[in-house]
Amino acid sequence: MKAGYGLSDVLTDTITYDQAIYPTHVNNFFIMPAGTTPARPLELLSSKRMKLLFEQLKADSFTYIVIDTPPLSLFSDAGVVAAETDGLVFVVQAYKTPRQIIKRAKELAEHAHAKIIGFILTHADYHIPHVYGYHQYHKYYSRSKN
């Protein structure tokens, strides 16, 4: 099989989905790359074939199907996929992703009737001891005993 086959190739009937799924070094964890860049990706993602693929994957015992899409607020492709999923997880970069972009993405998800599961905050600068109040315990237990 040629490298680079993936989702778009499955949706255009170039290959079967089991030919586009690759095992990873993690037990029971597989990936399906995006595949060949299609002329009209939005049509493929909103096609009946995409819905059938989700159904087939679930029927074949894939418990979780995670789809990495471009930002919801920038590409309509993500909104089409979001409408077909069980839920969305937003990945937000601390101190970089503008609040209005997050708000707009949330509005688009709600408009697509997509369930928002949660947010992942990356590049956050925090210290666990202060977050959980550990600092006070550390001061108490690190005092020298006389």
N, C-alpha and C. Protein backbone atom coordinates (compact mmCIF):
# COMPACT_ATOMS: atom_id res chain seq x y z
N MET A 1 0.84 -1.18 0.00
CA MET A 1 0.00 0.00 0.00
C MET A 1 0.88 1.24 0.00
N LYS A 2 0.48 2.23 -0.77
CA LYS A 2 1.21 3.49 -0.84
C LYS A 2 1.03 4.29 0.43
N ALA A 3 2.08 4.97 0.83
CA ALA A 3 1.97 5.86 1.99
C ALA A 3 1.06 7.02 1.62
N GLY A 4 0.33 7.53 2.59
CA GLY A 4 -0.50 8.69 2.35
C GLY A 4 -1.97 8.38 2.18
N TYR A 5 -2.35 7.12 2.09
CA TYR A 5 -3.77 6.80 2.00
C TYR A 5 -4.44 7.06 3.34
N GLY A 6 -5.70 7.45 3.28
CA GLY A 6 -6.41 7.73 4.52
C GLY A 6 -7.88 7.98 4.28
N LEU A 7 -8.46 8.82 5.12
CA LEU A 7 -9.89 9.08 5.14
C LEU A 7 -10.45 9.49 3.77
N SER A 8 -9.83 10.45 3.13
CA SER A 8 -10.36 10.91 1.84
C SER A 8 -10.36 9.80 0.80
N ASP A 9 -9.40 8.91 0.87
CA ASP A 9 -9.33 7.79 -0.08
C ASP A 9 -10.44 6.77 0.20
N VAL A 10 -10.79 6.62 1.46
CA VAL A 10 -11.90 5.73 1.82
C VAL A 10 -13.20 6.33 1.32
N LEU A 11 -13.36 7.63 1.52
CA LEU A 11 -14.62 8.29 1.13
C LEU A 11 -14.80 8.39 -0.38
N THR A 12 -13.72 8.28 -1.14
CA THR A 12 -13.82 8.29 -2.60
C THR A 12 -13.77 6.89 -3.18
N ASP A 13 -13.86 5.89 -2.33
CA ASP A 13 -13.84 4.47 -2.75
C ASP A 13 -12.54 4.04 -3.40
N THR A 14 -11.45 4.73 -3.11
CA THR A 14 -10.16 4.31 -3.63
C THR A 14 -9.66 3.07 -2.91
N ILE A 15 -9.90 3.04 -1.59
CA ILE A 15 -9.53 1.89 -0.75
C ILE A 15 -10.63 1.65 0.27
N THR A 16 -10.57 0.51 0.93
CA THR A 16 -11.51 0.21 2.01
C THR A 16 -10.98 0.81 3.30
N TYR A 17 -11.87 1.00 4.27
CA TYR A 17 -11.42 1.66 5.50
C TYR A 17 -10.38 0.84 6.25
N ASP A 18 -10.46 -0.48 6.20
CA ASP A 18 -9.47 -1.28 6.91
C ASP A 18 -8.08 -1.17 6.28
N GLN A 19 -7.99 -0.70 5.05
CA GLN A 19 -6.69 -0.46 4.42
C GLN A 19 -6.12 0.90 4.81
N ALA A 20 -6.94 1.75 5.38
CA ALA A 20 -6.51 3.10 5.75
C ALA A 20 -6.23 3.25 7.23
N ILE A 21 -6.44 2.19 8.00
CA ILE A 21 -6.22 2.24 9.44
C ILE A 21 -4.88 1.60 9.75
N TYR A 22 -4.08 2.32 10.53
CA TYR A 22 -2.74 1.85 10.85
C TYR A 22 -2.60 1.67 12.35
N PRO A 23 -2.00 0.56 12.78
CA PRO A 23 -1.77 0.37 14.22
C PRO A 23 -0.67 1.30 14.71
N THR A 24 -0.69 1.59 15.98
CA THR A 24 0.36 2.39 16.61
C THR A 24 1.08 1.52 17.62
N HIS A 25 2.05 2.07 18.30
CA HIS A 25 2.76 1.30 19.34
C HIS A 25 1.92 1.16 20.61
N VAL A 26 0.81 1.88 20.69
CA VAL A 26 -0.09 1.78 21.83
C VAL A 26 -1.12 0.69 21.53
N ASN A 27 -1.27 -0.24 22.43
CA ASN A 27 -2.18 -1.36 22.24
C ASN A 27 -3.61 -0.89 22.00
N ASN A 28 -4.26 -1.41 20.97
CA ASN A 28 -5.65 -1.08 20.62
C ASN A 28 -5.87 0.38 20.26
N PHE A 29 -4.85 1.03 19.73
CA PHE A 29 -4.96 2.42 19.31
C PHE A 29 -4.51 2.49 17.86
N PHE A 30 -5.39 2.96 17.00
CA PHE A 30 -5.14 3.00 15.56
C PHE A 30 -5.32 4.43 15.06
N ILE A 31 -4.70 4.72 13.92
CA ILE A 31 -4.89 6.02 13.30
C ILE A 31 -5.31 5.85 11.85
N MET A 32 -6.04 6.82 11.37
CA MET A 32 -6.38 6.90 9.96
C MET A 32 -6.00 8.32 9.52
N PRO A 33 -4.95 8.43 8.71
CA PRO A 33 -4.54 9.76 8.25
C PRO A 33 -5.61 10.42 7.39
N ALA A 34 -5.42 11.68 7.09
CA ALA A 34 -6.37 12.43 6.26
C ALA A 34 -6.44 11.86 4.86
N GLY A 35 -5.32 11.41 4.33
CA GLY A 35 -5.31 10.86 2.98
C GLY A 35 -4.99 11.89 1.92
N THR A 36 -5.23 11.52 0.68
CA THR A 36 -4.98 12.39 -0.46
C THR A 36 -5.86 13.63 -0.37
N THR A 37 -5.31 14.78 -0.65
CA THR A 37 -6.08 16.02 -0.59
C THR A 37 -7.13 16.02 -1.70
N PRO A 38 -8.41 16.04 -1.31
CA PRO A 38 -9.47 16.01 -2.31
C PRO A 38 -9.75 17.39 -2.90
N ALA A 39 -10.39 17.40 -4.05
CA ALA A 39 -10.75 18.66 -4.70
C ALA A 39 -11.80 19.41 -3.89
N ARG A 40 -12.78 18.69 -3.35
CA ARG A 40 -13.87 19.30 -2.58
C ARG A 40 -14.03 18.57 -1.24
N PRO A 41 -13.19 18.90 -0.26
CA PRO A 41 -13.24 18.17 1.01
C PRO A 41 -14.57 18.30 1.74
N LEU A 42 -15.20 19.44 1.66
CA LEU A 42 -16.47 19.65 2.35
C LEU A 42 -17.53 18.67 1.86
N GLU A 43 -17.57 18.42 0.58
CA GLU A 43 -18.53 17.46 0.02
C GLU A 43 -18.29 16.06 0.57
N LEU A 44 -17.01 15.67 0.67
CA LEU A 44 -16.69 14.34 1.18
C LEU A 44 -17.09 14.20 2.65
N LEU A 45 -16.75 15.21 3.45
CA LEU A 45 -17.03 15.14 4.88
C LEU A 45 -18.51 15.18 5.20
N SER A 46 -19.30 15.78 4.34
CA SER A 46 -20.74 15.85 4.58
C SER A 46 -21.50 14.77 3.80
N SER A 47 -20.78 13.84 3.21
CA SER A 47 -21.41 12.81 2.38
C SER A 47 -22.03 11.69 3.20
N LYS A 48 -22.89 10.96 2.55
CA LYS A 48 -23.50 9.76 3.15
C LYS A 48 -22.42 8.73 3.49
N ARG A 49 -21.36 8.69 2.67
CA ARG A 49 -20.26 7.75 2.92
C ARG A 49 -19.60 8.02 4.28
N MET A 50 -19.48 9.29 4.64
CA MET A 50 -18.87 9.63 5.93
C MET A 50 -19.74 9.08 7.06
N LYS A 51 -21.04 9.27 6.97
CA LYS A 51 -21.95 8.75 8.00
C LYS A 51 -21.86 7.23 8.06
N LEU A 52 -21.82 6.60 6.91
CA LEU A 52 -21.72 5.14 6.86
C LEU A 52 -20.39 4.65 7.44
N LEU A 53 -19.34 5.40 7.20
CA LEU A 53 -18.03 5.04 7.76
C LEU A 53 -18.07 5.07 9.29
N PHE A 54 -18.65 6.12 9.86
CA PHE A 54 -18.79 6.18 11.33
C PHE A 54 -19.57 4.98 11.84
N GLU A 55 -20.66 4.67 11.19
CA GLU A 55 -21.48 3.53 11.60
C GLU A 55 -20.69 2.23 11.52
N GLN A 56 -19.92 2.05 10.45
CA GLN A 56 -19.13 0.84 10.28
C GLN A 56 -18.05 0.71 11.34
N LEU A 57 -17.38 1.81 11.63
CA LEU A 57 -16.33 1.79 12.65
C LEU A 57 -16.90 1.42 14.01
N LYS A 58 -18.04 1.99 14.34
CA LYS A 58 -18.69 1.67 15.62
C LYS A 58 -19.13 0.22 15.65
N ALA A 59 -19.67 -0.27 14.53
CA ALA A 59 -20.12 -1.66 14.45
C ALA A 59 -18.94 -2.63 14.57
N ASP A 60 -17.76 -2.20 14.14
CA ASP A 60 -16.58 -3.04 14.19
C ASP A 60 -15.79 -2.86 15.49
N SER A 61 -16.47 -2.43 16.53
CA SER A 61 -15.93 -2.37 17.90
C SER A 61 -14.91 -1.28 18.16
N PHE A 62 -14.94 -0.20 17.40
CA PHE A 62 -14.11 0.94 17.76
C PHE A 62 -14.90 1.72 18.80
N THR A 63 -14.43 1.70 20.03
CA THR A 63 -15.14 2.32 21.14
C THR A 63 -15.16 3.83 21.02
N TYR A 64 -14.02 4.40 20.73
CA TYR A 64 -13.90 5.85 20.60
C TYR A 64 -13.31 6.18 19.24
N ILE A 65 -13.88 7.18 18.61
CA ILE A 65 -13.36 7.67 17.33
C ILE A 65 -13.04 9.14 17.54
N VAL A 66 -11.77 9.47 17.48
CA VAL A 66 -11.32 10.84 17.70
C VAL A 66 -10.92 11.41 16.35
N ILE A 67 -11.47 12.56 16.02
CA ILE A 67 -11.20 13.19 14.74
C ILE A 67 -10.54 14.54 14.99
N ASP A 68 -9.35 14.69 14.47
CA ASP A 68 -8.61 15.94 14.60
C ASP A 68 -8.95 16.80 13.38
N THR A 69 -9.57 17.94 13.61
CA THR A 69 -9.96 18.82 12.51
C THR A 69 -9.25 20.17 12.64
N PRO A 70 -9.29 20.95 11.58
CA PRO A 70 -8.78 22.33 11.70
C PRO A 70 -9.67 23.10 12.68
N PRO A 71 -9.25 24.29 13.09
CA PRO A 71 -10.07 25.07 14.03
C PRO A 71 -11.50 25.29 13.52
N LEU A 72 -12.45 25.08 14.39
CA LEU A 72 -13.87 25.20 14.06
C LEU A 72 -14.21 26.59 13.55
N SER A 73 -13.60 27.59 14.13
CA SER A 73 -13.94 28.97 13.75
C SER A 73 -13.31 29.40 12.43
N LEU A 74 -12.41 28.60 11.88
CA LEU A 74 -11.73 29.00 10.64
C LEU A 74 -12.14 28.19 9.42
N PHE A 75 -12.59 26.95 9.62
CA PHE A 75 -12.89 26.08 8.49
C PHE A 75 -14.26 25.44 8.64
N SER A 76 -15.05 25.50 7.58
CA SER A 76 -16.39 24.91 7.64
C SER A 76 -16.33 23.39 7.71
N ASP A 77 -15.23 22.79 7.28
CA ASP A 77 -15.06 21.34 7.34
C ASP A 77 -15.28 20.84 8.78
N ALA A 78 -14.69 21.55 9.72
CA ALA A 78 -14.77 21.15 11.12
C ALA A 78 -16.21 21.17 11.62
N GLY A 79 -16.99 22.14 11.20
CA GLY A 79 -18.39 22.23 11.61
C GLY A 79 -19.21 21.08 11.08
N VAL A 80 -18.94 20.67 9.85
CA VAL A 80 -19.65 19.54 9.24
C VAL A 80 -19.35 18.26 10.02
N VAL A 81 -18.09 18.04 10.34
CA VAL A 81 -17.69 16.86 11.10
C VAL A 81 -18.27 16.92 12.51
N ALA A 82 -18.24 18.10 13.12
CA ALA A 82 -18.73 18.26 14.49
C ALA A 82 -20.19 17.86 14.61
N ALA A 83 -20.98 18.15 13.61
CA ALA A 83 -22.40 17.83 13.65
C ALA A 83 -22.65 16.32 13.67
N GLU A 84 -21.69 15.54 13.21
CA GLU A 84 -21.85 14.09 13.13
C GLU A 84 -21.21 13.34 14.30
N THR A 85 -20.62 14.05 15.23
CA THR A 85 -19.91 13.40 16.32
C THR A 85 -20.75 13.34 17.59
N ASP A 86 -20.26 12.56 18.55
CA ASP A 86 -20.92 12.47 19.85
C ASP A 86 -20.54 13.65 20.74
N GLY A 87 -19.47 14.36 20.40
CA GLY A 87 -19.07 15.50 21.20
C GLY A 87 -17.77 16.10 20.73
N LEU A 88 -17.54 17.32 21.16
CA LEU A 88 -16.34 18.07 20.79
C LEU A 88 -15.48 18.34 22.01
N VAL A 89 -14.17 18.33 21.77
CA VAL A 89 -13.21 18.78 22.77
C VAL A 89 -12.40 19.87 22.08
N PHE A 90 -12.43 21.07 22.64
CA PHE A 90 -11.68 22.19 22.09
C PHE A 90 -10.27 22.18 22.67
N VAL A 91 -9.28 22.40 21.84
CA VAL A 91 -7.91 22.55 22.30
C VAL A 91 -7.57 24.03 22.19
N VAL A 92 -7.23 24.63 23.33
CA VAL A 92 -7.00 26.07 23.42
C VAL A 92 -5.60 26.31 23.97
N GLN A 93 -4.84 27.16 23.32
CA GLN A 93 -3.50 27.48 23.80
C GLN A 93 -3.57 28.69 24.73
N ALA A 94 -3.12 28.49 25.95
CA ALA A 94 -3.13 29.55 26.96
C ALA A 94 -2.30 30.74 26.49
N TYR A 95 -2.79 31.94 26.78
CA TYR A 95 -2.13 33.20 26.49
C TYR A 95 -1.96 33.48 24.99
N LYS A 96 -2.52 32.63 24.13
CA LYS A 96 -2.35 32.84 22.70
C LYS A 96 -3.69 32.85 21.97
N THR A 97 -4.57 31.89 22.27
CA THR A 97 -5.85 31.84 21.57
C THR A 97 -6.75 32.96 22.10
N PRO A 98 -7.14 33.88 21.24
CA PRO A 98 -7.99 34.99 21.69
C PRO A 98 -9.35 34.50 22.18
N ARG A 99 -9.83 35.14 23.21
CA ARG A 99 -11.12 34.79 23.81
C ARG A 99 -12.26 34.83 22.78
N GLN A 100 -12.23 35.80 21.87
CA GLN A 100 -13.31 35.91 20.88
C GLN A 100 -13.30 34.73 19.90
N ILE A 101 -12.13 34.14 19.64
CA ILE A 101 -12.05 32.96 18.77
C ILE A 101 -12.69 31.77 19.47
N ILE A 102 -12.43 31.62 20.75
CA ILE A 102 -13.02 30.52 21.53
C ILE A 102 -14.54 30.69 21.59
N LYS A 103 -14.98 31.92 21.85
CA LYS A 103 -16.41 32.20 21.92
C LYS A 103 -17.09 31.91 20.57
N ARG A 104 -16.46 32.32 19.48
CA ARG A 104 -17.02 32.08 18.14
C ARG A 104 -17.09 30.59 17.83
N ALA A 105 -16.04 29.85 18.18
CA ALA A 105 -16.04 28.40 17.96
C ALA A 105 -17.15 27.73 18.76
N LYS A 106 -17.36 28.18 19.98
CA LYS A 106 -18.43 27.64 20.82
C LYS A 106 -19.80 27.92 20.18
N GLU A 107 -19.99 29.12 19.68
CA GLU A 107 -21.25 29.48 19.01
C GLU A 107 -21.48 28.62 17.76
N LEU A 108 -20.43 28.40 16.98
CA LEU A 108 -20.55 27.56 15.78
C LEU A 108 -20.89 26.12 16.14
N ALA A 109 -20.30 25.62 17.21
CA ALA A 109 -20.60 24.26 17.66
C ALA A 109 -22.06 24.15 18.09
N GLU A 110 -22.52 25.14 18.83
CA GLU A 110 -23.92 25.13 19.27
C GLU A 110 -24.86 25.24 18.07
N HIS A 111 -24.49 26.04 17.09
CA HIS A 111 -25.30 26.18 15.88
C HIS A 111 -25.37 24.86 15.10
N ALA A 112 -24.30 24.09 15.14
CA ALA A 112 -24.26 22.78 14.46
C ALA A 112 -24.90 21.69 15.31
N HIS A 113 -25.43 22.07 16.48
CA HIS A 113 -26.04 21.12 17.43
C HIS A 113 -25.04 20.06 17.88
N ALA A 114 -23.79 20.47 18.03
CA ALA A 114 -22.75 19.58 18.50
C ALA A 114 -22.63 19.70 20.02
N LYS A 115 -22.42 18.59 20.67
CA LYS A 115 -22.27 18.56 22.12
C LYS A 115 -20.82 18.91 22.47
N ILE A 116 -20.65 19.88 23.33
CA ILE A 116 -19.31 20.26 23.78
C ILE A 116 -18.99 19.46 25.03
N ILE A 117 -17.96 18.62 24.93
CA ILE A 117 -17.55 17.78 26.05
C ILE A 117 -16.66 18.56 27.01
N GLY A 118 -15.75 19.36 26.44
CA GLY A 118 -14.87 20.12 27.30
C GLY A 118 -13.78 20.82 26.52
N PHE A 119 -12.80 21.32 27.28
CA PHE A 119 -11.69 22.08 26.72
C PHE A 119 -10.38 21.50 27.24
N ILE A 120 -9.37 21.52 26.40
CA ILE A 120 -8.01 21.17 26.83
C ILE A 120 -7.20 22.46 26.72
N LEU A 121 -6.59 22.86 27.81
CA LEU A 121 -5.79 24.07 27.84
C LEU A 121 -4.32 23.68 27.76
N THR A 122 -3.65 24.10 26.68
CA THR A 122 -2.24 23.78 26.51
C THR A 122 -1.37 24.98 26.84
N HIS A 123 -0.11 24.73 27.06
CA HIS A 123 0.88 25.76 27.36
C HIS A 123 0.50 26.61 28.57
N ALA A 124 -0.22 26.02 29.50
CA ALA A 124 -0.61 26.76 30.70
C ALA A 124 0.58 26.80 31.65
N ASP A 125 0.79 27.94 32.25
CA ASP A 125 1.89 28.12 33.19
C ASP A 125 1.30 28.16 34.59
N TYR A 126 1.36 27.04 35.27
CA TYR A 126 0.82 26.97 36.61
C TYR A 126 1.71 26.09 37.47
N HIS A 127 1.52 26.21 38.76
CA HIS A 127 2.30 25.42 39.70
C HIS A 127 1.31 24.64 40.55
N ILE A 128 1.36 23.35 40.48
CA ILE A 128 0.40 22.50 41.17
C ILE A 128 0.35 22.77 42.67
N PRO A 129 1.48 22.96 43.35
CA PRO A 129 1.37 23.19 44.79
C PRO A 129 0.45 24.35 45.15
N HIS A 130 0.49 25.44 44.41
CA HIS A 130 -0.36 26.59 44.71
C HIS A 130 -1.80 26.36 44.28
N VAL A 131 -1.98 25.59 43.24
CA VAL A 131 -3.33 25.32 42.75
C VAL A 131 -4.11 24.51 43.77
N TYR A 132 -3.49 23.53 44.37
CA TYR A 132 -4.19 22.64 45.29
C TYR A 132 -3.98 22.98 46.76
N GLY A 133 -3.37 24.10 47.03
CA GLY A 133 -3.15 24.49 48.41
C GLY A 133 -2.02 23.72 49.06
N TYR A 134 -1.23 23.04 48.26
CA TYR A 134 -0.13 22.24 48.78
C TYR A 134 0.90 23.10 49.49
N HIS A 135 1.02 24.35 49.06
CA HIS A 135 2.02 25.25 49.62
C HIS A 135 1.89 25.35 51.14
N GLN A 136 0.67 25.41 51.65
CA GLN A 136 0.47 25.51 53.09
C GLN A 136 0.92 24.25 53.81
N TYR A 137 0.64 23.09 53.22
CA TYR A 137 1.07 21.83 53.83
C TYR A 137 2.58 21.71 53.81
N HIS A 138 3.17 22.15 52.71
CA HIS A 138 4.63 22.09 52.59
C HIS A 138 5.29 22.94 53.68
N LYS A 139 4.75 24.14 53.93
CA LYS A 139 5.30 25.01 54.96
C LYS A 139 5.19 24.34 56.33
N TYR A 140 4.04 23.70 56.59
CA TYR A 140 3.81 23.07 57.88
C TYR A 140 4.76 21.90 58.10
N TYR A 141 4.88 21.03 57.11
CA TYR A 141 5.68 19.83 57.27
C TYR A 141 7.18 20.06 57.10
N SER A 142 7.57 21.17 56.49
CA SER A 142 9.00 21.39 56.28
C SER A 142 9.62 22.20 57.43
N ARG A 143 8.79 22.60 58.40
CA ARG A 143 9.37 23.30 59.55
C ARG A 143 10.28 22.35 60.32
N SER A 144 11.36 22.89 60.79
CA SER A 144 12.28 22.02 61.54
C SER A 144 11.66 21.67 62.89
N LYS A 145 11.76 20.43 63.23
CA LYS A 145 11.22 19.94 64.50
C LYS A 145 12.31 20.05 65.56
N ASN A 146 11.97 20.64 66.70
CA ASN A 146 12.94 20.79 67.78
C ASN A 146 12.72 19.80 68.86
